[in-house]
Amino acid sequence: MLANLTIDPQRLWDTLMETARFGGTPKGGIRRLTLSDDDKRVRDWFKARCEALGCTVTVDEVGNMFARRPGRNNDLAPICMGSHLDTQPTGGKFDGVLGVLGALEAMRTLHEQGYETNAPIEIVNWTNEEGSRYAPAMLASGVFAGVFTTDYAYEREDRDGVRFLAELERIGYRGSEKAGARKLGAMFELHIEQGPILEDEKTMVGVVTGVQGMRWYEVTVTGQDAHTGATPMYLRKNALVGAARVIEAIDAIGQKHQPGVATVGLIENRPNSRNVIPGEVFFTIDLRHPDEAVLDVMEQEFRAALAANLPALGLAHEEKRIWNSPAVKFAPELIDCVRHGAGKAGFPMRDIVSGAGHDAAYIARVAPTTMVFVPCAGGLSHNEAESTSFEECAAGAQVLLNAVVEYDRRLAG
């Protein structure tokens, strides 16, 4: 029976295209922000499809969804697979979504073949992985893993001041189960690479050994609004000029500490009028590196850039670190199962460290965890043009299924 456990590639692809309607954009991407109406629609769709397989769907207090298929020994903690269904404001069809729908396809295959696992199998949809509406990223998996409190998540506000808790209740996905009360036996997360390495090397599967460390910061630079025509250059306190110098310095920090990266991705200029000197600028900073010690240095250097550039221009600033996700190493026994799964399917593979953050990084704190990567065209992600082929999606789902079944087999001794 094990030899017949082959996913249906066309069904997987059709499912990806079907769910892309929820929040679909004219350019072919998805805008499905956390706890939006479209997030509710795709959640309802996902719940119905899982229940059609006989799964029991449970929702915890921060909206994480768990669809369970029983095993022979339901005293064992479940083997989980999944990712997230929320997207960036201009997201693609595959980031996160492939991990949930690939897991659904794996579950459908187990169901159709009547394959009985030793442990229960669960699909997980983690809430607010992207962090694009509610910062920080991976918020609800962080609550599950004890990184954040439930109240911290509830109090998060989007840029319009709308609280996480209010939207969670509005769409009907505030569950009764305490986040983290559910014990996981293992967690496998399928994902597109979001980088160019696999495609460049013509390798179908990335065996993910860990995730690099990530830190997010928010900075507000304060000067003085003034008339552009009446204020001479030497008397200006132009917050945008100061921010621009700091942003350039941050880019230089990333260049200096490669393979680390340093990025300013969000900027708000106030009052944002063509004939008013900018009096305040808000921007975000994203620092990443596989080595925590190097991240410490990058943090010191960016703070030094604030001190070196702003006071000389008569500018003040406030800065705070809002998120710190340390570098993670995944579980060797799960990594070995992914290698087994790729080998069984006959796909070329290579070990890889994730440059992007994922829910698996937090879940690794409370359960054995690893990830499976497949290529994406040009390494492009967080973009409506994000693209992963029919064959690559199928390969990822097949390796996921193979790895989960192999891990379950090993549980039985």
Protein backbone atom coordinates (compact mmCIF):
# COMPACT_ATOMS: atom_id res chain seq x y z
CA MET A 1 0.00 0.00 0.00
CA LEU A 2 2.88 2.38 0.76
CA ALA A 3 4.02 2.19 -2.88
CA ASN A 4 0.59 3.48 -3.97
CA LEU A 5 0.74 6.63 -1.85
CA THR A 6 1.07 9.02 -4.77
CA ILE A 7 -0.51 12.46 -4.69
CA ASP A 8 -2.74 13.74 -7.49
CA PRO A 9 -0.78 16.62 -9.09
CA GLN A 10 -3.73 17.96 -11.08
CA ARG A 11 -6.01 18.03 -8.05
CA LEU A 12 -3.34 19.91 -6.09
CA TRP A 13 -2.90 22.46 -8.88
CA ASP A 14 -6.64 22.92 -9.28
CA THR A 15 -6.94 23.51 -5.54
CA LEU A 16 -4.19 26.15 -5.65
CA MET A 17 -5.96 27.96 -8.47
CA GLU A 18 -9.38 27.63 -6.83
CA THR A 19 -8.30 29.20 -3.55
CA ALA A 20 -6.44 31.97 -5.38
CA ARG A 21 -9.90 33.44 -6.05
CA PHE A 22 -10.12 34.48 -2.41
CA GLY A 23 -8.43 37.86 -2.57
CA GLY A 24 -7.27 37.43 -6.17
CA THR A 25 -5.73 40.54 -7.75
CA PRO A 26 -5.94 41.76 -11.37
CA LYS A 27 -2.23 41.00 -11.79
CA GLY A 28 -2.70 37.35 -10.88
CA GLY A 29 -1.59 37.46 -7.26
CA ILE A 30 -3.46 37.38 -3.95
CA ARG A 31 -4.23 40.11 -1.42
CA ARG A 32 -5.50 38.08 1.54
CA LEU A 33 -4.56 39.95 4.67
CA THR A 34 -4.86 38.33 8.08
CA LEU A 35 -8.41 38.29 9.50
CA SER A 36 -9.86 40.03 6.45
CA ASP A 37 -13.09 38.92 4.77
CA ASP A 38 -11.04 36.98 2.22
CA ASP A 39 -9.11 35.29 5.01
CA LYS A 40 -12.45 34.18 6.47
CA ARG A 41 -13.57 32.85 3.07
CA VAL A 42 -10.46 30.74 2.56
CA ARG A 43 -10.63 29.49 6.16
CA ASP A 44 -14.24 28.42 5.67
CA TRP A 45 -13.25 26.67 2.43
CA PHE A 46 -10.34 24.89 4.12
CA LYS A 47 -12.49 23.77 7.06
CA ALA A 48 -15.15 22.33 4.75
CA ARG A 49 -12.61 20.40 2.66
CA CYS A 50 -10.97 18.89 5.73
CA GLU A 51 -14.29 17.90 7.28
CA ALA A 52 -15.23 16.20 4.00
CA LEU A 53 -12.29 13.84 4.65
CA GLY A 54 -13.61 13.01 8.10
CA CYS A 55 -11.13 15.28 9.87
CA THR A 56 -12.03 17.07 13.07
CA VAL A 57 -11.25 20.79 12.80
CA THR A 58 -10.33 22.71 15.95
CA VAL A 59 -9.55 26.43 16.27
CA ASP A 60 -7.51 27.88 19.12
CA GLU A 61 -7.83 31.27 20.81
CA VAL A 62 -5.63 33.08 18.27
CA GLY A 63 -7.26 31.51 15.21
CA ASN A 64 -4.80 28.70 14.46
CA MET A 65 -6.68 25.86 12.72
CA PHE A 66 -5.95 22.15 13.22
CA ALA A 67 -7.57 19.42 11.09
CA ARG A 68 -7.00 15.97 12.63
CA ARG A 69 -7.21 12.53 11.06
CA PRO A 70 -7.05 9.77 13.69
CA GLY A 71 -4.33 7.12 13.74
CA ARG A 72 -4.06 3.64 15.19
CA ASN A 73 -2.73 5.04 18.45
CA ASN A 74 -4.45 8.29 19.27
CA ASP A 75 -2.48 8.56 22.49
CA LEU A 76 0.49 9.58 20.34
CA ALA A 77 0.96 13.28 19.71
CA PRO A 78 -0.02 14.17 16.13
CA ILE A 79 2.37 14.53 13.21
CA CYS A 80 1.55 17.92 11.76
CA MET A 81 2.02 19.44 8.33
CA GLY A 82 0.95 22.87 7.17
CA SER A 83 1.82 26.54 6.83
CA HIS A 84 -0.36 29.66 6.40
CA LEU A 85 -3.11 31.02 4.15
CA ASP A 86 -2.62 34.77 4.71
CA THR A 87 -0.61 36.74 2.15
CA GLN A 88 1.23 39.98 1.62
CA PRO A 89 -0.76 42.99 0.28
CA THR A 90 0.61 42.13 -3.16
CA GLY A 91 1.32 38.44 -2.58
CA GLY A 92 1.57 35.47 -4.90
CA LYS A 93 -0.39 32.23 -5.17
CA PHE A 94 2.13 29.94 -3.48
CA ASP A 95 3.83 31.56 -0.47
CA GLY A 96 2.42 29.70 2.53
CA VAL A 97 -0.58 28.49 0.56
CA LEU A 98 1.36 25.61 -1.01
CA GLY A 99 2.24 24.35 2.46
CA VAL A 100 -1.40 24.14 3.56
CA LEU A 101 -2.82 22.84 0.28
CA GLY A 102 0.08 20.44 -0.26
CA ALA A 103 -0.74 19.06 3.19
CA LEU A 104 -4.41 18.83 2.22
CA GLU A 105 -3.44 16.87 -0.89
CA ALA A 106 -1.30 14.54 1.23
CA MET A 107 -4.25 14.03 3.58
CA ARG A 108 -6.59 13.37 0.65
CA THR A 109 -4.18 10.71 -0.61
CA LEU A 110 -4.06 8.97 2.77
CA HIS A 111 -7.85 9.07 2.91
CA GLU A 112 -8.40 7.73 -0.62
CA GLN A 113 -5.91 4.91 -0.17
CA GLY A 114 -7.32 3.98 3.23
CA TYR A 115 -3.82 4.22 4.68
CA GLU A 116 -3.87 4.08 8.47
CA THR A 117 -1.04 5.87 10.21
CA ASN A 118 0.24 4.98 13.65
CA ALA A 119 -0.07 8.53 14.99
CA PRO A 120 -2.84 11.02 14.24
CA ILE A 121 -2.05 13.35 11.32
CA GLU A 122 -2.96 17.05 11.42
CA ILE A 123 -2.97 19.91 8.93
CA VAL A 124 -2.28 23.32 10.45
CA ASN A 125 -3.15 26.79 9.20
CA TRP A 126 -1.19 29.28 11.32
CA THR A 127 -2.66 32.78 11.76
CA ASN A 128 -0.79 35.94 10.69
CA GLU A 129 2.46 34.42 9.46
CA GLU A 130 3.19 37.31 7.13
CA GLY A 131 3.04 40.13 9.66
CA SER A 132 1.99 42.51 6.88
CA ARG A 133 -1.21 43.57 8.63
CA TYR A 134 -0.31 42.79 12.24
CA ALA A 135 3.35 42.99 13.24
CA PRO A 136 5.32 41.00 14.14
CA ALA A 137 5.31 38.11 11.70
CA MET A 138 4.54 34.53 12.78
CA LEU A 139 2.40 36.00 15.53
CA ALA A 140 0.03 33.13 16.27
CA SER A 141 2.61 30.36 15.96
CA GLY A 142 4.65 32.50 18.34
CA VAL A 143 1.78 32.49 20.84
CA PHE A 144 1.46 28.72 20.40
CA ALA A 145 5.18 28.29 21.14
CA GLY A 146 5.13 30.62 24.17
CA VAL A 147 7.14 33.39 22.50
CA PHE A 148 4.26 35.88 22.81
CA THR A 149 1.31 36.01 25.19
CA THR A 150 -2.25 35.77 23.96
CA ASP A 151 -2.93 39.28 25.25
CA TYR A 152 0.06 40.60 23.29
CA ALA A 153 -1.45 39.17 20.11
CA TYR A 154 -4.92 40.49 20.93
CA GLU A 155 -3.59 44.03 21.41
CA ARG A 156 -1.75 44.23 18.06
CA GLU A 157 -3.14 46.96 15.82
CA ASP A 158 -2.92 47.39 12.07
CA ARG A 159 -1.97 50.74 10.49
CA ASP A 160 -5.61 51.84 10.79
CA GLY A 161 -5.74 51.11 14.52
CA VAL A 162 -7.92 48.00 14.20
CA ARG A 163 -7.09 45.47 16.91
CA PHE A 164 -6.28 41.82 16.21
CA LEU A 165 -8.86 40.58 18.74
CA ALA A 166 -11.66 42.64 17.22
CA GLU A 167 -11.04 41.22 13.74
CA LEU A 168 -10.57 37.67 15.05
CA GLU A 169 -14.01 37.85 16.65
CA ARG A 170 -15.58 39.62 13.69
CA ILE A 171 -14.73 36.81 11.26
CA GLY A 172 -15.69 34.12 13.79
CA TYR A 173 -12.29 32.51 14.27
CA ARG A 174 -11.57 33.08 17.94
CA GLY A 175 -11.58 29.49 19.13
CA SER A 176 -11.93 28.17 22.65
CA GLU A 177 -8.78 26.01 22.80
CA LYS A 178 -5.86 27.61 24.60
CA ALA A 179 -2.98 28.26 22.21
CA GLY A 180 -0.18 25.81 22.88
CA ALA A 181 -2.32 23.38 24.87
CA ARG A 182 -2.23 20.97 21.92
CA LYS A 183 0.97 18.90 21.96
CA LEU A 184 2.61 18.22 18.61
CA GLY A 185 4.67 15.12 17.90
CA ALA A 186 6.37 16.69 14.87
CA MET A 187 5.85 19.48 12.36
CA PHE A 188 6.70 19.40 8.63
CA GLU A 189 6.25 22.62 6.62
CA LEU A 190 6.31 22.67 2.82
CA HIS A 191 7.15 26.04 1.26
CA ILE A 192 8.51 27.68 -1.84
CA GLU A 193 12.14 28.68 -1.35
CA GLN A 194 11.51 32.43 -1.83
CA GLY A 195 15.07 32.63 -3.10
CA PRO A 196 16.97 31.69 -6.29
CA ILE A 197 19.29 28.89 -5.13
CA LEU A 198 17.28 25.78 -6.05
CA GLU A 199 16.30 27.12 -9.46
CA ASP A 200 19.86 28.22 -10.20
CA GLU A 201 21.21 24.76 -9.33
CA LYS A 202 18.33 22.96 -11.09
CA THR A 203 17.53 21.13 -7.85
CA MET A 204 13.94 20.17 -7.15
CA VAL A 205 13.99 19.81 -3.35
CA GLY A 206 15.60 21.84 -0.60
CA VAL A 207 16.12 19.93 2.65
CA VAL A 208 15.88 22.77 5.15
CA THR A 209 18.29 22.44 8.05
CA GLY A 210 17.40 25.71 9.80
CA VAL A 211 16.33 29.35 9.60
CA GLN A 212 18.53 32.40 9.88
CA GLY A 213 18.03 34.87 12.73
CA MET A 214 15.76 37.86 12.12
CA ARG A 215 15.20 41.15 13.92
CA TRP A 216 12.70 43.88 13.12
CA TYR A 217 12.89 47.51 14.24
CA GLU A 218 10.76 50.64 13.98
CA VAL A 219 12.30 54.12 13.78
CA THR A 220 10.68 57.54 13.89
CA VAL A 221 12.84 60.52 12.88
CA THR A 222 11.55 63.92 14.00
CA GLY A 223 12.47 67.31 12.56
CA GLN A 224 10.28 70.30 11.81
CA ASP A 225 7.59 70.90 9.20
CA ALA A 226 8.25 74.12 7.34
CA HIS A 227 7.53 75.90 4.06
CA THR A 228 9.80 74.73 1.24
CA GLY A 229 10.02 78.15 -0.36
CA ALA A 230 10.47 80.29 2.73
CA THR A 231 12.93 78.17 4.77
CA PRO A 232 16.58 78.43 3.72
CA MET A 233 18.56 75.23 3.39
CA TYR A 234 20.85 75.94 6.34
CA LEU A 235 17.90 76.39 8.75
CA ARG A 236 16.01 73.23 7.82
CA LYS A 237 15.36 70.19 10.02
CA ASN A 238 14.44 67.80 7.22
CA ALA A 239 13.50 64.41 8.65
CA LEU A 240 13.47 62.79 5.22
CA VAL A 241 17.07 63.75 4.51
CA GLY A 242 18.13 62.20 7.82
CA ALA A 243 16.11 59.06 7.16
CA ALA A 244 17.63 58.77 3.67
CA ARG A 245 21.16 58.86 5.08
CA VAL A 246 20.32 56.20 7.65
CA ILE A 247 18.66 54.02 5.02
CA GLU A 248 21.78 54.18 2.88
CA ALA A 249 23.87 53.21 5.91
CA ILE A 250 21.59 50.24 6.59
CA ASP A 251 22.03 49.01 3.03
CA ALA A 252 25.81 49.25 3.49
CA ILE A 253 25.53 47.14 6.67
CA GLY A 254 23.81 44.39 4.69
CA GLN A 255 26.46 44.58 1.97
CA LYS A 256 29.21 44.33 4.56
CA HIS A 257 27.83 41.31 6.43
CA GLN A 258 26.77 39.00 3.61
CA PRO A 259 25.20 36.42 3.56
CA GLY A 260 23.28 38.60 6.00
CA VAL A 261 20.79 41.14 4.68
CA ALA A 262 19.56 44.55 5.86
CA THR A 263 16.41 46.14 4.48
CA VAL A 264 14.15 49.14 4.93
CA GLY A 265 10.83 47.97 3.51
CA LEU A 266 8.23 50.41 4.85
CA ILE A 267 8.49 54.19 5.00
CA GLU A 268 5.95 56.91 5.85
CA ASN A 269 6.83 60.55 5.17
CA ARG A 270 4.82 63.20 7.02
CA PRO A 271 3.04 65.43 6.16
CA ASN A 272 3.88 64.17 2.65
CA SER A 273 3.10 67.44 0.89
CA ARG A 274 5.08 68.72 -2.08
CA ASN A 275 5.68 72.17 -0.58
CA VAL A 276 6.27 71.19 3.05
CA ILE A 277 9.67 70.16 4.40
CA PRO A 278 9.15 66.69 5.96
CA GLY A 279 8.89 66.97 9.72
CA GLU A 280 8.60 63.27 10.57
CA VAL A 281 9.55 59.99 8.93
CA PHE A 282 8.62 56.52 10.13
CA PHE A 283 10.43 53.49 8.71
CA THR A 284 11.08 49.85 9.46
CA ILE A 285 14.33 47.87 9.47
CA ASP A 286 14.72 44.13 8.85
CA LEU A 287 18.11 42.57 9.75
CA ARG A 288 18.86 38.87 9.08
CA HIS A 289 21.86 36.58 9.43
CA PRO A 290 22.45 32.87 10.21
CA ASP A 291 24.87 33.81 13.03
CA GLU A 292 23.45 35.55 16.12
CA ALA A 293 26.81 37.11 16.96
CA VAL A 294 26.93 38.80 13.56
CA LEU A 295 23.35 40.00 14.04
CA ASP A 296 24.49 41.66 17.27
CA VAL A 297 27.15 43.54 15.33
CA MET A 298 24.68 44.56 12.61
CA GLU A 299 22.34 45.90 15.28
CA GLN A 300 25.13 47.92 16.88
CA GLU A 301 26.15 49.35 13.53
CA PHE A 302 22.66 50.45 12.56
CA ARG A 303 22.20 52.20 15.93
CA ALA A 304 25.55 53.88 15.41
CA ALA A 305 24.28 55.10 12.02
CA LEU A 306 21.33 56.77 13.74
CA ALA A 307 23.64 58.56 16.17
CA ALA A 308 26.11 59.57 13.45
CA ASN A 309 23.61 61.00 10.97
CA LEU A 310 20.65 62.52 12.77
CA PRO A 311 21.84 64.95 15.50
CA ALA A 312 24.07 66.83 13.03
CA LEU A 313 20.91 67.65 11.04
CA GLY A 314 19.05 68.86 14.13
CA LEU A 315 16.91 65.75 14.18
CA ALA A 316 15.68 63.57 17.04
CA HIS A 317 14.66 59.94 16.81
CA GLU A 318 12.96 57.05 18.59
CA GLU A 319 13.93 53.46 17.85
CA LYS A 320 12.70 50.12 19.17
CA ARG A 321 13.22 46.48 18.33
CA ILE A 322 9.78 44.94 17.88
CA TRP A 323 10.72 41.37 16.96
CA ASN A 324 13.61 39.02 17.53
CA SER A 325 13.56 35.54 16.01
CA PRO A 326 16.85 33.79 16.81
CA ALA A 327 18.53 31.46 14.33
CA VAL A 328 17.02 27.97 14.41
CA LYS A 329 18.39 24.49 13.75
CA PHE A 330 15.81 21.89 12.75
CA ALA A 331 15.46 18.33 14.10
CA PRO A 332 17.95 15.87 12.54
CA GLU A 333 15.47 12.97 12.64
CA LEU A 334 12.90 14.94 10.61
CA ILE A 335 15.55 16.23 8.21
CA ASP A 336 16.52 12.62 7.58
CA CYS A 337 12.89 11.76 6.77
CA VAL A 338 12.76 14.58 4.20
CA ARG A 339 15.93 13.24 2.58
CA HIS A 340 14.33 9.80 2.54
CA GLY A 341 11.16 11.26 1.01
CA ALA A 342 13.01 13.08 -1.75
CA GLY A 343 15.15 10.03 -2.50
CA LYS A 344 12.11 7.75 -2.65
CA ALA A 345 10.49 10.12 -5.16
CA GLY A 346 13.70 10.32 -7.19
CA PHE A 347 14.19 14.07 -6.91
CA PRO A 348 17.58 15.82 -6.74
CA MET A 349 18.01 17.56 -3.39
CA ARG A 350 20.39 19.76 -1.43
CA ASP A 351 20.61 21.03 2.14
CA ILE A 352 19.62 24.68 2.54
CA VAL A 353 19.15 27.29 5.28
CA SER A 354 16.02 29.41 5.01
CA GLY A 355 16.59 33.11 4.51
CA ALA A 356 12.93 33.87 5.24
CA GLY A 357 11.07 33.44 8.49
CA HIS A 358 8.47 30.69 8.84
CA ASP A 359 6.11 29.38 11.50
CA ALA A 360 8.36 26.32 11.72
CA ALA A 361 11.01 28.50 13.33
CA TYR A 362 8.81 29.03 16.39
CA ILE A 363 7.30 25.56 16.45
CA ALA A 364 10.84 24.16 16.62
CA ARG A 365 10.88 25.42 20.22
CA VAL A 366 8.09 23.03 21.26
CA ALA A 367 8.28 20.09 18.83
CA PRO A 368 10.68 18.44 16.37
CA THR A 369 10.37 20.45 13.16
CA THR A 370 11.72 20.79 9.65
CA MET A 371 10.79 22.16 6.23
CA VAL A 372 10.71 21.13 2.56
CA PHE A 373 11.55 23.72 -0.11
CA VAL A 374 10.74 23.69 -3.81
CA PRO A 375 11.97 26.28 -6.33
CA CYS A 376 10.16 29.46 -7.36
CA ALA A 377 10.81 31.28 -10.63
CA GLY A 378 13.65 33.77 -10.30
CA GLY A 379 13.55 33.38 -6.54
CA LEU A 380 10.70 35.92 -6.59
CA SER A 381 8.22 36.00 -3.71
CA HIS A 382 6.10 38.57 -1.84
CA ASN A 383 5.12 39.66 -5.34
CA GLU A 384 2.05 39.07 -7.52
CA ALA A 385 4.35 37.62 -10.19
CA GLU A 386 5.51 34.84 -7.82
CA SER A 387 5.48 31.58 -9.77
CA THR A 388 6.07 27.90 -9.04
CA SER A 389 5.45 25.24 -11.66
CA PHE A 390 2.91 22.43 -11.71
CA GLU A 391 5.76 19.90 -11.42
CA GLU A 392 7.45 21.71 -8.53
CA CYS A 393 4.24 21.93 -6.52
CA ALA A 394 3.61 18.23 -7.11
CA ALA A 395 7.16 17.34 -6.09
CA GLY A 396 6.85 19.26 -2.85
CA ALA A 397 3.57 17.61 -1.88
CA GLN A 398 4.91 14.15 -2.71
CA VAL A 399 8.07 14.63 -0.66
CA LEU A 400 5.97 16.00 2.20
CA LEU A 401 3.74 12.92 2.15
CA ASN A 402 6.71 10.57 1.89
CA ALA A 403 8.48 12.25 4.80
CA VAL A 404 5.42 12.20 7.06
CA VAL A 405 4.71 8.53 6.32
CA GLU A 406 8.37 7.63 6.92
CA TYR A 407 8.43 9.47 10.26
CA ASP A 408 5.20 7.72 11.26
CA ARG A 409 6.68 4.35 10.26
CA ARG A 410 9.71 4.99 12.46
CA LEU A 411 7.43 5.78 15.43
CA ALA A 412 6.16 2.21 15.27
CA GLY A 413 9.72 0.93 15.65
